[in-house]
Amino acid sequence: MLEDADTIKLDENNTIMSLRDKLIALGRSGNDDGGFPILKKDLNEDGYRMVGYIGASELGHALSKSLFL
């Protein structure tokens, strides 16, 4: 995985605004058909483990639904 690739880390404070900002940055980089690996801190090592992935369109859809709550 690229070191500068944008990810969603489960141990960070992921808000609607911060996820929206990641999505906007992804679109501006020309990778709006991409997505985000979802990472969890690996307790047995000093790094992270990939536990999931969400595509940009799926994240955008979820964020748009959250605005109506």
PDB file of N, CA and C in Angstrom:
ATOM      1  N   MET A   1       0.856  -1.183   0.000  1.00  0.00           N
ATOM      2  CA  MET A   1       0.000   0.000   0.000  1.00  0.00           C
ATOM      3  C   MET A   1       0.893   1.234   0.000  1.00  0.00           C
ATOM      4  N   LEU A   2       0.481   2.261  -0.702  1.00  0.00           N
ATOM      5  CA  LEU A   2       1.237   3.500  -0.761  1.00  0.00           C
ATOM      6  C   LEU A   2       1.174   4.216   0.585  1.00  0.00           C
ATOM      7  N   GLU A   3       2.311   4.765   0.996  1.00  0.00           N
ATOM      8  CA  GLU A   3       2.355   5.462   2.280  1.00  0.00           C
ATOM      9  C   GLU A   3       1.471   6.700   2.299  1.00  0.00           C
ATOM     10  N   ASP A   4       1.328   7.388   1.160  1.00  0.00           N
ATOM     11  CA  ASP A   4       0.547   8.614   1.135  1.00  0.00           C
ATOM     12  C   ASP A   4      -0.904   8.383   0.691  1.00  0.00           C
ATOM     13  N   ALA A   5      -1.281   7.138   0.527  1.00  0.00           N
ATOM     14  CA  ALA A   5      -2.657   6.844   0.132  1.00  0.00           C
ATOM     15  C   ALA A   5      -3.595   7.200   1.281  1.00  0.00           C
ATOM     16  N   ASP A   6      -4.738   7.792   0.963  1.00  0.00           N
ATOM     17  CA  ASP A   6      -5.694   8.158   1.993  1.00  0.00           C
ATOM     18  C   ASP A   6      -6.426   6.914   2.460  1.00  0.00           C
ATOM     19  N   THR A   7      -6.574   6.797   3.753  1.00  0.00           N
ATOM     20  CA  THR A   7      -7.229   5.647   4.361  1.00  0.00           C
ATOM     21  C   THR A   7      -8.221   6.126   5.405  1.00  0.00           C
ATOM     22  N   ILE A   8      -9.037   5.206   5.870  1.00  0.00           N
ATOM     23  CA  ILE A   8      -9.917   5.453   7.006  1.00  0.00           C
ATOM     24  C   ILE A   8      -9.421   4.549   8.122  1.00  0.00           C
ATOM     25  N   LYS A   9      -8.938   5.164   9.196  1.00  0.00           N
ATOM     26  CA  LYS A   9      -8.423   4.414  10.340  1.00  0.00           C
ATOM     27  C   LYS A   9      -9.484   4.401  11.434  1.00  0.00           C
ATOM     28  N   LEU A  10      -9.792   3.210  11.917  1.00  0.00           N
ATOM     29  CA  LEU A  10     -10.857   3.062  12.899  1.00  0.00           C
ATOM     30  C   LEU A  10     -10.525   3.667  14.256  1.00  0.00           C
ATOM     31  N   ASP A  11      -9.241   3.899  14.535  1.00  0.00           N
ATOM     32  CA  ASP A  11      -8.879   4.484  15.824  1.00  0.00           C
ATOM     33  C   ASP A  11      -8.839   6.013  15.783  1.00  0.00           C
ATOM     34  N   GLU A  12      -9.203   6.600  14.645  1.00  0.00           N
ATOM     35  CA  GLU A  12      -9.266   8.053  14.529  1.00  0.00           C
ATOM     36  C   GLU A  12     -10.710   8.523  14.685  1.00  0.00           C
ATOM     37  N   ASN A  13     -10.874   9.796  14.936  1.00  0.00           N
ATOM     38  CA  ASN A  13     -12.202  10.379  15.053  1.00  0.00           C
ATOM     39  C   ASN A  13     -12.719  10.680  13.646  1.00  0.00           C
ATOM     40  N   ASN A  14     -13.466   9.753  13.087  1.00  0.00           N
ATOM     41  CA  ASN A  14     -14.010   9.906  11.735  1.00  0.00           C
ATOM     42  C   ASN A  14     -15.393  10.537  11.821  1.00  0.00           C
ATOM     43  N   THR A  15     -15.464  11.782  11.389  1.00  0.00           N
ATOM     44  CA  THR A  15     -16.730  12.498  11.403  1.00  0.00           C
ATOM     45  C   THR A  15     -17.273  12.604   9.987  1.00  0.00           C
ATOM     46  N   ILE A  16     -18.509  13.020   9.864  1.00  0.00           N
ATOM     47  CA  ILE A  16     -19.092  13.237   8.540  1.00  0.00           C
ATOM     48  C   ILE A  16     -18.247  14.241   7.772  1.00  0.00           C
ATOM     49  N   MET A  17     -17.813  15.289   8.443  1.00  0.00           N
ATOM     50  CA  MET A  17     -17.011  16.320   7.773  1.00  0.00           C
ATOM     51  C   MET A  17     -15.643  15.791   7.352  1.00  0.00           C
ATOM     52  N   SER A  18     -14.968  15.032   8.222  1.00  0.00           N
ATOM     53  CA  SER A  18     -13.632  14.539   7.866  1.00  0.00           C
ATOM     54  C   SER A  18     -13.709  13.519   6.738  1.00  0.00           C
ATOM     55  N   LEU A  19     -14.733  12.689   6.737  1.00  0.00           N
ATOM     56  CA  LEU A  19     -14.895  11.722   5.648  1.00  0.00           C
ATOM     57  C   LEU A  19     -15.269  12.427   4.341  1.00  0.00           C
ATOM     58  N   ARG A  20     -16.086  13.457   4.449  1.00  0.00           N
ATOM     59  CA  ARG A  20     -16.425  14.246   3.261  1.00  0.00           C
ATOM     60  C   ARG A  20     -15.181  14.900   2.676  1.00  0.00           C
ATOM     61  N   ASP A  21     -14.314  15.430   3.538  1.00  0.00           N
ATOM     62  CA  ASP A  21     -13.071  16.059   3.078  1.00  0.00           C
ATOM     63  C   ASP A  21     -12.168  15.049   2.375  1.00  0.00           C
ATOM     64  N   LYS A  22     -12.079  13.829   2.901  1.00  0.00           N
ATOM     65  CA  LYS A  22     -11.292  12.782   2.244  1.00  0.00           C
ATOM     66  C   LYS A  22     -11.867  12.471   0.870  1.00  0.00           C
ATOM     67  N   LEU A  23     -13.182  12.422   0.787  1.00  0.00           N
ATOM     68  CA  LEU A  23     -13.856  12.128  -0.477  1.00  0.00           C
ATOM     69  C   LEU A  23     -13.619  13.239  -1.499  1.00  0.00           C
ATOM     70  N   ILE A  24     -13.673  14.483  -1.068  1.00  0.00           N
ATOM     71  CA  ILE A  24     -13.412  15.619  -1.951  1.00  0.00           C
ATOM     72  C   ILE A  24     -11.969  15.592  -2.440  1.00  0.00           C
ATOM     73  N   ALA A  25     -11.031  15.322  -1.540  1.00  0.00           N
ATOM     74  CA  ALA A  25      -9.618  15.247  -1.920  1.00  0.00           C
ATOM     75  C   ALA A  25      -9.378  14.124  -2.928  1.00  0.00           C
ATOM     76  N   LEU A  26     -10.053  13.006  -2.747  1.00  0.00           N
ATOM     77  CA  LEU A  26      -9.919  11.894  -3.687  1.00  0.00           C
ATOM     78  C   LEU A  26     -10.417  12.311  -5.067  1.00  0.00           C
ATOM     79  N   GLY A  27     -11.539  12.995  -5.116  1.00  0.00           N
ATOM     80  CA  GLY A  27     -12.077  13.469  -6.391  1.00  0.00           C
ATOM     81  C   GLY A  27     -11.164  14.478  -7.063  1.00  0.00           C
ATOM     82  N   ARG A  28     -10.586  15.379  -6.285  1.00  0.00           N
ATOM     83  CA  ARG A  28      -9.674  16.383  -6.848  1.00  0.00           C
ATOM     84  C   ARG A  28      -8.396  15.766  -7.388  1.00  0.00           C
ATOM     85  N   SER A  29      -8.013  14.618  -6.832  1.00  0.00           N
ATOM     86  CA  SER A  29      -6.800  13.950  -7.299  1.00  0.00           C
ATOM     87  C   SER A  29      -7.044  13.162  -8.583  1.00  0.00           C
ATOM     88  N   GLY A  30      -8.298  13.122  -9.026  1.00  0.00           N
ATOM     89  CA  GLY A  30      -8.631  12.397 -10.240  1.00  0.00           C
ATOM     90  C   GLY A  30      -8.919  10.928 -10.006  1.00  0.00           C
ATOM     91  N   ASN A  31      -9.002  10.526  -8.762  1.00  0.00           N
ATOM     92  CA  ASN A  31      -9.256   9.125  -8.429  1.00  0.00           C
ATOM     93  C   ASN A  31     -10.650   8.914  -7.861  1.00  0.00           C
ATOM     94  N   ASP A  32     -11.626   9.658  -8.364  1.00  0.00           N
ATOM     95  CA  ASP A  32     -12.964   9.579  -7.797  1.00  0.00           C
ATOM     96  C   ASP A  32     -13.644   8.237  -8.053  1.00  0.00           C
ATOM     97  N   ASP A  33     -13.041   7.378  -8.863  1.00  0.00           N
ATOM     98  CA  ASP A  33     -13.579   6.037  -9.033  1.00  0.00           C
ATOM     99  C   ASP A  33     -12.885   5.042  -8.107  1.00  0.00           C
ATOM    100  N   GLY A  34     -12.060   5.554  -7.201  1.00  0.00           N
ATOM    101  CA  GLY A  34     -11.322   4.715  -6.253  1.00  0.00           C
ATOM    102  C   GLY A  34     -12.098   4.546  -4.961  1.00  0.00           C
ATOM    103  N   GLY A  35     -11.369   4.496  -3.864  1.00  0.00           N
ATOM    104  CA  GLY A  35     -11.989   4.336  -2.564  1.00  0.00           C
ATOM    105  C   GLY A  35     -10.953   4.368  -1.467  1.00  0.00           C
ATOM    106  N   PHE A  36     -11.330   3.845  -0.320  1.00  0.00           N
ATOM    107  CA  PHE A  36     -10.499   3.935   0.869  1.00  0.00           C
ATOM    108  C   PHE A  36     -10.361   2.589   1.566  1.00  0.00           C
ATOM    109  N   PRO A  37      -9.125   2.152   1.803  1.00  0.00           N
ATOM    110  CA  PRO A  37      -8.930   1.003   2.679  1.00  0.00           C
ATOM    111  C   PRO A  37      -9.341   1.404   4.098  1.00  0.00           C
ATOM    112  N   ILE A  38      -9.956   0.490   4.814  1.00  0.00           N
ATOM    113  CA  ILE A  38     -10.338   0.727   6.197  1.00  0.00           C
ATOM    114  C   ILE A  38      -9.349  -0.054   7.058  1.00  0.00           C
ATOM    115  N   LEU A  39      -8.657   0.664   7.938  1.00  0.00           N
ATOM    116  CA  LEU A  39      -7.569   0.078   8.703  1.00  0.00           C
ATOM    117  C   LEU A  39      -7.857   0.059  10.196  1.00  0.00           C
ATOM    118  N   LYS A  40      -7.398  -1.002  10.840  1.00  0.00           N
ATOM    119  CA  LYS A  40      -7.519  -1.155  12.288  1.00  0.00           C
ATOM    120  C   LYS A  40      -6.116  -1.364  12.842  1.00  0.00           C
ATOM    121  N   LYS A  41      -5.827  -0.746  13.973  1.00  0.00           N
ATOM    122  CA  LYS A  41      -4.522  -0.900  14.612  1.00  0.00           C
ATOM    123  C   LYS A  41      -4.286  -2.375  14.909  1.00  0.00           C
ATOM    124  N   ASP A  42      -3.130  -2.859  14.490  1.00  0.00           N
ATOM    125  CA  ASP A  42      -2.762  -4.254  14.728  1.00  0.00           C
ATOM    126  C   ASP A  42      -2.106  -4.360  16.098  1.00  0.00           C
ATOM    127  N   LEU A  43      -2.736  -5.045  17.017  1.00  0.00           N
ATOM    128  CA  LEU A  43      -2.237  -5.125  18.389  1.00  0.00           C
ATOM    129  C   LEU A  43      -0.957  -5.948  18.496  1.00  0.00           C
ATOM    130  N   ASN A  44      -0.694  -6.808  17.531  1.00  0.00           N
ATOM    131  CA  ASN A  44       0.497  -7.655  17.562  1.00  0.00           C
ATOM    132  C   ASN A  44       1.700  -7.021  16.879  1.00  0.00           C
ATOM    133  N   GLU A  45       1.485  -5.929  16.185  1.00  0.00           N
ATOM    134  CA  GLU A  45       2.564  -5.254  15.473  1.00  0.00           C
ATOM    135  C   GLU A  45       2.419  -3.746  15.660  1.00  0.00           C
ATOM    136  N   ASP A  46       3.353  -2.988  15.086  1.00  0.00           N
ATOM    137  CA  ASP A  46       3.324  -1.535  15.229  1.00  0.00           C
ATOM    138  C   ASP A  46       2.552  -0.841  14.119  1.00  0.00           C
ATOM    139  N   GLY A  47       1.881  -1.574  13.278  1.00  0.00           N
ATOM    140  CA  GLY A  47       1.210  -0.967  12.140  1.00  0.00           C
ATOM    141  C   GLY A  47      -0.296  -1.165  12.178  1.00  0.00           C
ATOM    142  N   TYR A  48      -0.859  -1.160  10.997  1.00  0.00           N
ATOM    143  CA  TYR A  48      -2.303  -1.311  10.837  1.00  0.00           C
ATOM    144  C   TYR A  48      -2.596  -2.527   9.979  1.00  0.00           C
ATOM    145  N   ARG A  49      -3.800  -3.037  10.123  1.00  0.00           N
ATOM    146  CA  ARG A  49      -4.271  -4.169   9.338  1.00  0.00           C
ATOM    147  C   ARG A  49      -5.514  -3.723   8.567  1.00  0.00           C
ATOM    148  N   MET A  50      -5.565  -4.075   7.292  1.00  0.00           N
ATOM    149  CA  MET A  50      -6.731  -3.733   6.487  1.00  0.00           C
ATOM    150  C   MET A  50      -7.880  -4.663   6.859  1.00  0.00           C
ATOM    151  N   VAL A  51      -9.011  -4.067   7.247  1.00  0.00           N
ATOM    152  CA  VAL A  51     -10.175  -4.851   7.650  1.00  0.00           C
ATOM    153  C   VAL A  51     -11.358  -4.636   6.716  1.00  0.00           C
ATOM    154  N   GLY A  52     -11.200  -3.737   5.761  1.00  0.00           N
ATOM    155  CA  GLY A  52     -12.289  -3.480   4.832  1.00  0.00           C
ATOM    156  C   GLY A  52     -11.893  -2.457   3.793  1.00  0.00           C
ATOM    157  N   TYR A  53     -12.842  -2.138   2.950  1.00  0.00           N
ATOM    158  CA  TYR A  53     -12.641  -1.174   1.871  1.00  0.00           C
ATOM    159  C   TYR A  53     -13.999  -0.578   1.544  1.00  0.00           C
ATOM    160  N   ILE A  54     -14.020   0.733   1.286  1.00  0.00           N
ATOM    161  CA  ILE A  54     -15.265   1.368   0.837  1.00  0.00           C
ATOM    162  C   ILE A  54     -14.959   2.199  -0.393  1.00  0.00           C
ATOM    163  N   GLY A  55     -15.746   1.976  -1.425  1.00  0.00           N
ATOM    164  CA  GLY A  55     -15.596   2.731  -2.655  1.00  0.00           C
ATOM    165  C   GLY A  55     -16.071   4.163  -2.485  1.00  0.00           C
ATOM    166  N   ALA A  56     -15.552   5.042  -3.324  1.00  0.00           N
ATOM    167  CA  ALA A  56     -15.914   6.462  -3.242  1.00  0.00           C
ATOM    168  C   ALA A  56     -17.407   6.671  -3.427  1.00  0.00           C
ATOM    169  N   SER A  57     -18.007   5.973  -4.374  1.00  0.00           N
ATOM    170  CA  SER A  57     -19.440   6.181  -4.608  1.00  0.00           C
ATOM    171  C   SER A  57     -20.268   5.685  -3.423  1.00  0.00           C
ATOM    172  N   GLU A  58     -19.866   4.583  -2.807  1.00  0.00           N
ATOM    173  CA  GLU A  58     -20.589   4.065  -1.641  1.00  0.00           C
ATOM    174  C   GLU A  58     -20.463   5.017  -0.451  1.00  0.00           C
ATOM    175  N   LEU A  59     -19.252   5.553  -0.237  1.00  0.00           N
ATOM    176  CA  LEU A  59     -19.060   6.509   0.853  1.00  0.00           C
ATOM    177  C   LEU A  59     -19.860   7.773   0.587  1.00  0.00           C
ATOM    178  N   GLY A  60     -19.844   8.252  -0.643  1.00  0.00           N
ATOM    179  CA  GLY A  60     -20.632   9.435  -0.994  1.00  0.00           C
ATOM    180  C   GLY A  60     -22.111   9.224  -0.751  1.00  0.00           C
ATOM    181  N   HIS A  61     -22.609   8.040  -1.096  1.00  0.00           N
ATOM    182  CA  HIS A  61     -24.019   7.726  -0.878  1.00  0.00           C
ATOM    183  C   HIS A  61     -24.344   7.708   0.618  1.00  0.00           C
ATOM    184  N   ALA A  62     -23.480   7.066   1.409  1.00  0.00           N
ATOM    185  CA  ALA A  62     -23.705   7.009   2.854  1.00  0.00           C
ATOM    186  C   ALA A  62     -23.679   8.404   3.474  1.00  0.00           C
ATOM    187  N   LEU A  63     -22.757   9.244   3.018  1.00  0.00           N
ATOM    188  CA  LEU A  63     -22.678  10.598   3.565  1.00  0.00           C
ATOM    189  C   LEU A  63     -23.896  11.419   3.179  1.00  0.00           C
ATOM    190  N   SER A  64     -24.397  11.223   1.966  1.00  0.00           N
ATOM    191  CA  SER A  64     -25.583  11.972   1.551  1.00  0.00           C
ATOM    192  C   SER A  64     -26.798  11.550   2.363  1.00  0.00           C
ATOM    193  N   LYS A  65     -26.886  10.286   2.724  1.00  0.00           N
ATOM    194  CA  LYS A  65     -27.994   9.807   3.561  1.00  0.00           C
ATOM    195  C   LYS A  65     -27.885  10.366   4.977  1.00  0.00           C
ATOM    196  N   SER A  66     -26.656  10.546   5.473  1.00  0.00           N
ATOM    197  CA  SER A  66     -26.465  11.024   6.841  1.00  0.00           C
ATOM    198  C   SER A  66     -26.909  12.480   6.999  1.00  0.00           C
ATOM    199  N   LEU A  67     -26.949  13.218   5.909  1.00  0.00           N
ATOM    200  CA  LEU A  67     -27.363  14.623   5.990  1.00  0.00           C
ATOM    201  C   LEU A  67     -28.853  14.752   6.278  1.00  0.00           C
ATOM    202  N   PHE A  68     -29.595  13.675   6.087  1.00  0.00           N
ATOM    203  CA  PHE A  68     -31.050  13.720   6.302  1.00  0.00           C
ATOM    204  C   PHE A  68     -31.460  13.182   7.669  1.00  0.00           C
ATOM    205  N   LEU A  69     -30.490  12.818   8.516  1.00  0.00           N
ATOM    206  CA  LEU A  69     -30.829  12.289   9.840  1.00  0.00           C
ATOM    207  C   LEU A  69     -31.234  13.397  10.781  1.00  0.00           C
TER     208      LEU A  69
END
